Amino acid sequence: MSGSAAEERSYMVNNCTMRNAGWLLALPATTLAMMMATSLPAAAADKPTPEQLIADCDSGKGRCTFEEPVLGEAYLGNFHQVSDSLHNCSTSPATQSMDWTDTVGSTDSVGVSVTTGGKIAGIIDVSVTATYSHTWSSTHAENRSLNMTVKAGEVGWISRAQVMQTVSGIWHTNYKKRHWGHRHWDATDTITGPAANGTDGKNNAVIVKTRKMTTAEKSSCSADAHEGTAVQVRR
């Protein structure tokens, strides 16, 4: 290729490049930023989420400890139904012994399951026991019987509230190899679970609750009353 031809081609390429550069500079800043972002490969996450760290603790992928546990003040949790319902279709009060059972578990602030016998629950128990000299349980189960009286035309059931308590701390997670660029990561966490009866002066409560029957329930009573089932236990 002759020198003049090469120079002409070089000029054309440079001229085209300059025109494209000028076109890019003329674009709005927001449009240019979006084009640059989409043209670059997505960057990998530079650090794990608390959910990922605690899940690795539970699976054994990471070796973990729960440090600096702080127990919150105990409080009485919400009442919830723990028995079947007693429908009194008769014309006088009805008294009957009712069995009830209740199991209260733990909830975690980052959504990781905390169950009895699991690795997470065991690690928390070791930490709380070492710091406060008493065990921590992720689940409490209880069952008993109670005599309840329900007025005519009403429905009754047994409700229970469990003493609850939070424990906050820091998960120290160690890996054999680097993960997200490091072998050691920390994550804060708060777990809410059942506490022993009498903790901080708070006591579990079991009560009988009643309400008036609905129209549909009264109609059902009328049909069943003819069959001699004036008092009915329903789930």
Protein backbone atom coordinates (compact mmCIF):
# COMPACT_ATOMS: atom_id res chain seq x y z
CA MET A 1 0.00 0.00 0.00
CA SER A 2 1.36 3.43 -0.94
CA GLY A 3 2.17 5.99 1.71
CA SER A 4 -0.66 8.28 0.59
CA ALA A 5 -3.20 5.44 0.73
CA ALA A 6 -2.05 4.43 4.21
CA GLU A 7 -2.24 8.01 5.38
CA GLU A 8 -5.73 8.35 3.92
CA ARG A 9 -6.90 5.17 5.70
CA SER A 10 -5.37 6.35 8.98
CA TYR A 11 -7.12 9.64 8.62
CA MET A 12 -10.45 7.91 7.99
CA VAL A 13 -10.07 5.68 11.06
CA ASN A 14 -9.06 8.56 13.30
CA ASN A 15 -11.85 10.71 11.94
CA CYS A 16 -14.38 7.93 12.62
CA THR A 17 -13.06 7.48 16.15
CA MET A 18 -13.33 11.19 16.81
CA ARG A 19 -16.88 11.27 15.51
CA ASN A 20 -17.85 8.34 17.79
CA ALA A 21 -16.15 10.00 20.75
CA GLY A 22 -18.01 13.20 20.05
CA TRP A 23 -21.29 11.28 19.83
CA LEU A 24 -20.63 9.66 23.23
CA LEU A 25 -19.78 12.97 24.84
CA ALA A 26 -23.01 14.42 23.51
CA LEU A 27 -25.08 11.80 25.36
CA PRO A 28 -26.71 12.71 28.72
CA ALA A 29 -24.62 11.72 31.74
CA THR A 30 -27.26 9.25 33.02
CA THR A 31 -27.45 7.46 29.66
CA LEU A 32 -23.67 7.25 29.42
CA ALA A 33 -23.43 5.83 32.93
CA MET A 34 -26.01 3.17 32.14
CA MET A 35 -24.15 2.15 28.98
CA MET A 36 -20.89 1.84 30.89
CA ALA A 37 -22.52 -0.18 33.67
CA THR A 38 -24.09 -2.67 31.26
CA SER A 39 -20.89 -3.06 29.27
CA LEU A 40 -18.84 -4.04 32.33
CA PRO A 41 -19.00 -7.55 33.86
CA ALA A 42 -20.98 -7.75 37.10
CA ALA A 43 -18.76 -7.58 40.17
CA ALA A 44 -19.01 -10.45 42.62
CA ALA A 45 -20.33 -9.74 46.11
CA ASP A 46 -17.42 -8.52 48.25
CA LYS A 47 -18.86 -9.74 51.52
CA PRO A 48 -21.38 -12.35 52.75
CA THR A 49 -24.80 -11.65 54.19
CA PRO A 50 -25.52 -12.58 57.83
CA GLU A 51 -27.86 -15.30 56.51
CA GLN A 52 -25.02 -16.87 54.53
CA LEU A 53 -22.62 -16.82 57.47
CA ILE A 54 -25.08 -18.32 59.95
CA ALA A 55 -26.19 -20.93 57.40
CA ASP A 56 -22.52 -21.93 57.01
CA CYS A 57 -22.31 -22.20 60.80
CA ASP A 58 -25.32 -24.51 60.85
CA SER A 59 -24.06 -26.69 57.99
CA GLY A 60 -20.56 -26.94 59.38
CA LYS A 61 -18.99 -25.24 56.36
CA GLY A 62 -17.68 -22.61 58.75
CA ARG A 63 -16.44 -23.12 62.31
CA CYS A 64 -18.40 -20.74 64.52
CA THR A 65 -18.79 -19.34 68.00
CA PHE A 66 -21.49 -17.05 69.38
CA GLU A 67 -19.70 -14.33 71.35
CA GLU A 68 -20.71 -11.55 73.74
CA PRO A 69 -24.25 -12.81 74.40
CA VAL A 70 -26.60 -10.29 75.98
CA LEU A 71 -29.93 -11.46 77.39
CA GLY A 72 -32.84 -9.05 77.11
CA GLU A 73 -35.43 -8.62 79.83
CA ALA A 74 -38.02 -11.40 79.83
CA TYR A 75 -41.58 -10.63 78.79
CA LEU A 76 -44.88 -12.46 78.42
CA GLY A 77 -45.53 -13.47 74.83
CA ASN A 78 -48.85 -13.35 73.01
CA PHE A 79 -51.76 -15.57 74.03
CA HIS A 80 -52.59 -18.30 71.53
CA GLN A 81 -55.13 -21.14 71.47
CA VAL A 82 -53.71 -24.44 72.73
CA SER A 83 -56.85 -26.64 72.97
CA ASP A 84 -59.85 -27.70 70.95
CA SER A 85 -62.97 -25.54 71.17
CA LEU A 86 -65.96 -26.46 73.36
CA HIS A 87 -69.32 -25.51 71.82
CA ASN A 88 -72.16 -25.37 74.34
CA CYS A 89 -75.38 -25.96 72.43
CA SER A 90 -77.39 -26.57 75.61
CA THR A 91 -79.49 -24.10 77.59
CA SER A 92 -77.29 -24.16 80.71
CA PRO A 93 -73.57 -23.76 81.52
CA ALA A 94 -71.39 -26.77 80.67
CA THR A 95 -68.20 -27.79 82.48
CA GLN A 96 -65.74 -30.19 80.95
CA SER A 97 -62.08 -31.20 81.33
CA MET A 98 -60.04 -30.17 78.27
CA ASP A 99 -56.54 -31.28 77.32
CA TRP A 100 -54.16 -28.69 75.98
CA THR A 101 -50.66 -28.83 74.51
CA ASP A 102 -48.27 -26.07 73.54
CA THR A 103 -44.88 -25.96 71.83
CA VAL A 104 -43.09 -22.62 71.53
CA GLY A 105 -39.98 -22.29 69.36
CA SER A 106 -37.39 -19.65 68.57
CA THR A 107 -37.18 -17.03 65.83
CA ASP A 108 -34.01 -15.53 64.39
CA SER A 109 -33.55 -11.91 63.27
CA VAL A 110 -32.01 -12.96 59.93
CA GLY A 111 -34.43 -15.79 59.16
CA VAL A 112 -32.23 -18.81 59.89
CA SER A 113 -34.02 -21.74 61.54
CA VAL A 114 -33.14 -22.29 65.21
CA THR A 115 -34.38 -25.72 66.29
CA THR A 116 -33.73 -28.01 69.22
CA GLY A 117 -30.86 -30.36 68.52
CA GLY A 118 -29.53 -28.17 65.70
CA LYS A 119 -25.96 -26.89 65.61
CA ILE A 120 -27.02 -23.24 65.91
CA ALA A 121 -29.07 -23.89 69.06
CA GLY A 122 -26.19 -25.83 70.60
CA ILE A 123 -23.67 -23.05 69.96
CA ILE A 124 -25.97 -20.43 71.50
CA ASP A 125 -26.61 -22.63 74.54
CA VAL A 126 -22.86 -23.09 75.15
CA SER A 127 -22.31 -19.33 74.95
CA VAL A 128 -25.21 -18.39 77.25
CA THR A 129 -24.31 -21.10 79.76
CA ALA A 130 -20.69 -19.92 79.92
CA THR A 131 -21.71 -16.29 80.41
CA TYR A 132 -24.82 -16.56 82.61
CA SER A 133 -24.37 -19.99 84.21
CA HIS A 134 -27.75 -21.29 83.07
CA THR A 135 -28.86 -23.19 80.00
CA TRP A 136 -30.69 -21.70 77.03
CA SER A 137 -33.40 -23.65 75.21
CA SER A 138 -34.67 -23.01 71.69
CA THR A 139 -37.99 -24.81 72.30
CA HIS A 140 -40.41 -25.32 75.18
CA ALA A 141 -43.18 -27.94 75.14
CA GLU A 142 -45.90 -28.40 77.75
CA ASN A 143 -49.25 -30.20 78.03
CA ARG A 144 -51.87 -30.49 80.76
CA SER A 145 -55.62 -30.65 81.40
CA LEU A 146 -57.93 -27.93 82.67
CA ASN A 147 -61.61 -27.81 83.67
CA MET A 148 -63.43 -25.13 81.75
CA THR A 149 -66.98 -23.83 82.03
CA VAL A 150 -68.77 -22.41 79.00
CA LYS A 151 -72.09 -20.60 79.12
CA ALA A 152 -75.04 -21.66 76.97
CA GLY A 153 -74.73 -20.45 73.39
CA GLU A 154 -71.00 -19.79 73.70
CA VAL A 155 -67.72 -21.27 72.51
CA GLY A 156 -64.77 -21.72 74.85
CA TRP A 157 -61.13 -22.68 74.49
CA ILE A 158 -57.85 -22.60 76.41
CA SER A 159 -55.15 -20.04 75.57
CA ARG A 160 -51.61 -19.85 76.81
CA ALA A 161 -48.79 -17.27 76.83
CA GLN A 162 -45.12 -18.23 77.21
CA VAL A 163 -42.41 -16.18 78.91
CA MET A 164 -40.02 -15.09 76.13
CA GLN A 165 -36.54 -13.57 76.04
CA THR A 166 -34.06 -12.32 73.45
CA VAL A 167 -30.36 -13.08 73.27
CA SER A 168 -28.15 -10.88 71.10
CA GLY A 169 -24.55 -11.59 70.14
CA ILE A 170 -21.92 -11.82 67.42
CA TRP A 171 -21.32 -14.85 65.23
CA HIS A 172 -17.58 -15.37 64.63
CA THR A 173 -17.25 -17.55 61.54
CA ASN A 174 -13.93 -19.07 60.48
CA TYR A 175 -13.25 -20.90 57.20
CA LYS A 176 -10.38 -23.22 56.29
CA LYS A 177 -10.02 -21.37 53.00
CA ARG A 178 -10.76 -17.80 51.98
CA HIS A 179 -14.40 -16.95 51.35
CA TRP A 180 -15.26 -13.52 49.95
CA GLY A 181 -11.56 -12.76 50.21
CA HIS A 182 -11.16 -13.59 53.92
CA ARG A 183 -11.12 -16.58 56.25
CA HIS A 184 -12.85 -14.78 59.14
CA TRP A 185 -16.19 -12.97 59.18
CA ASP A 186 -18.52 -11.58 61.90
CA ALA A 187 -22.29 -11.05 61.91
CA THR A 188 -24.59 -9.68 64.62
CA ASP A 189 -27.75 -11.58 65.44
CA THR A 190 -30.72 -11.58 67.82
CA ILE A 191 -32.69 -14.71 68.70
CA THR A 192 -36.05 -14.70 70.48
CA GLY A 193 -37.00 -17.86 72.32
CA PRO A 194 -38.85 -19.30 75.33
CA ALA A 195 -37.48 -18.55 78.79
CA ALA A 196 -37.88 -20.47 82.03
CA ASN A 197 -41.04 -19.75 84.00
CA GLY A 198 -40.35 -17.01 86.57
CA THR A 199 -37.51 -15.37 84.60
CA ASP A 200 -37.25 -11.69 85.62
CA GLY A 201 -40.44 -12.17 87.64
CA LYS A 202 -42.52 -13.08 84.57
CA ASN A 203 -44.72 -16.20 84.64
CA ASN A 204 -46.41 -18.30 81.97
CA ALA A 205 -50.19 -17.87 81.83
CA VAL A 206 -53.05 -20.23 80.94
CA ILE A 207 -56.58 -18.85 80.67
CA VAL A 208 -60.02 -19.85 79.41
CA LYS A 209 -61.47 -17.66 76.69
CA THR A 210 -65.07 -17.59 75.46
CA ARG A 211 -67.15 -15.88 72.82
CA LYS A 212 -70.71 -15.87 71.55
CA MET A 213 -71.58 -18.37 68.85
CA THR A 214 -71.93 -17.18 65.29
CA THR A 215 -75.20 -17.58 63.40
CA ALA A 216 -73.74 -20.52 61.48
CA GLU A 217 -72.61 -22.19 64.70
CA LYS A 218 -76.06 -21.75 66.24
CA SER A 219 -77.63 -23.37 63.17
CA SER A 220 -75.19 -26.26 63.48
CA CYS A 221 -76.10 -26.57 67.16
CA SER A 222 -79.79 -26.81 66.38
CA ALA A 223 -79.17 -29.70 63.99
CA ASP A 224 -76.82 -31.53 66.36
CA ALA A 225 -78.96 -30.97 69.45
CA HIS A 226 -81.61 -33.30 68.01
CA GLU A 227 -78.97 -36.04 68.02
CA GLY A 228 -78.25 -35.52 71.72
CA THR A 229 -74.91 -33.75 71.28
CA ALA A 230 -75.62 -30.53 73.15
CA VAL A 231 -71.97 -30.02 74.12
CA GLN A 232 -69.46 -30.51 71.32
CA VAL A 233 -65.66 -30.48 71.17
CA ARG A 234 -64.42 -29.21 67.82
CA ARG A 235 -60.94 -28.61 66.47
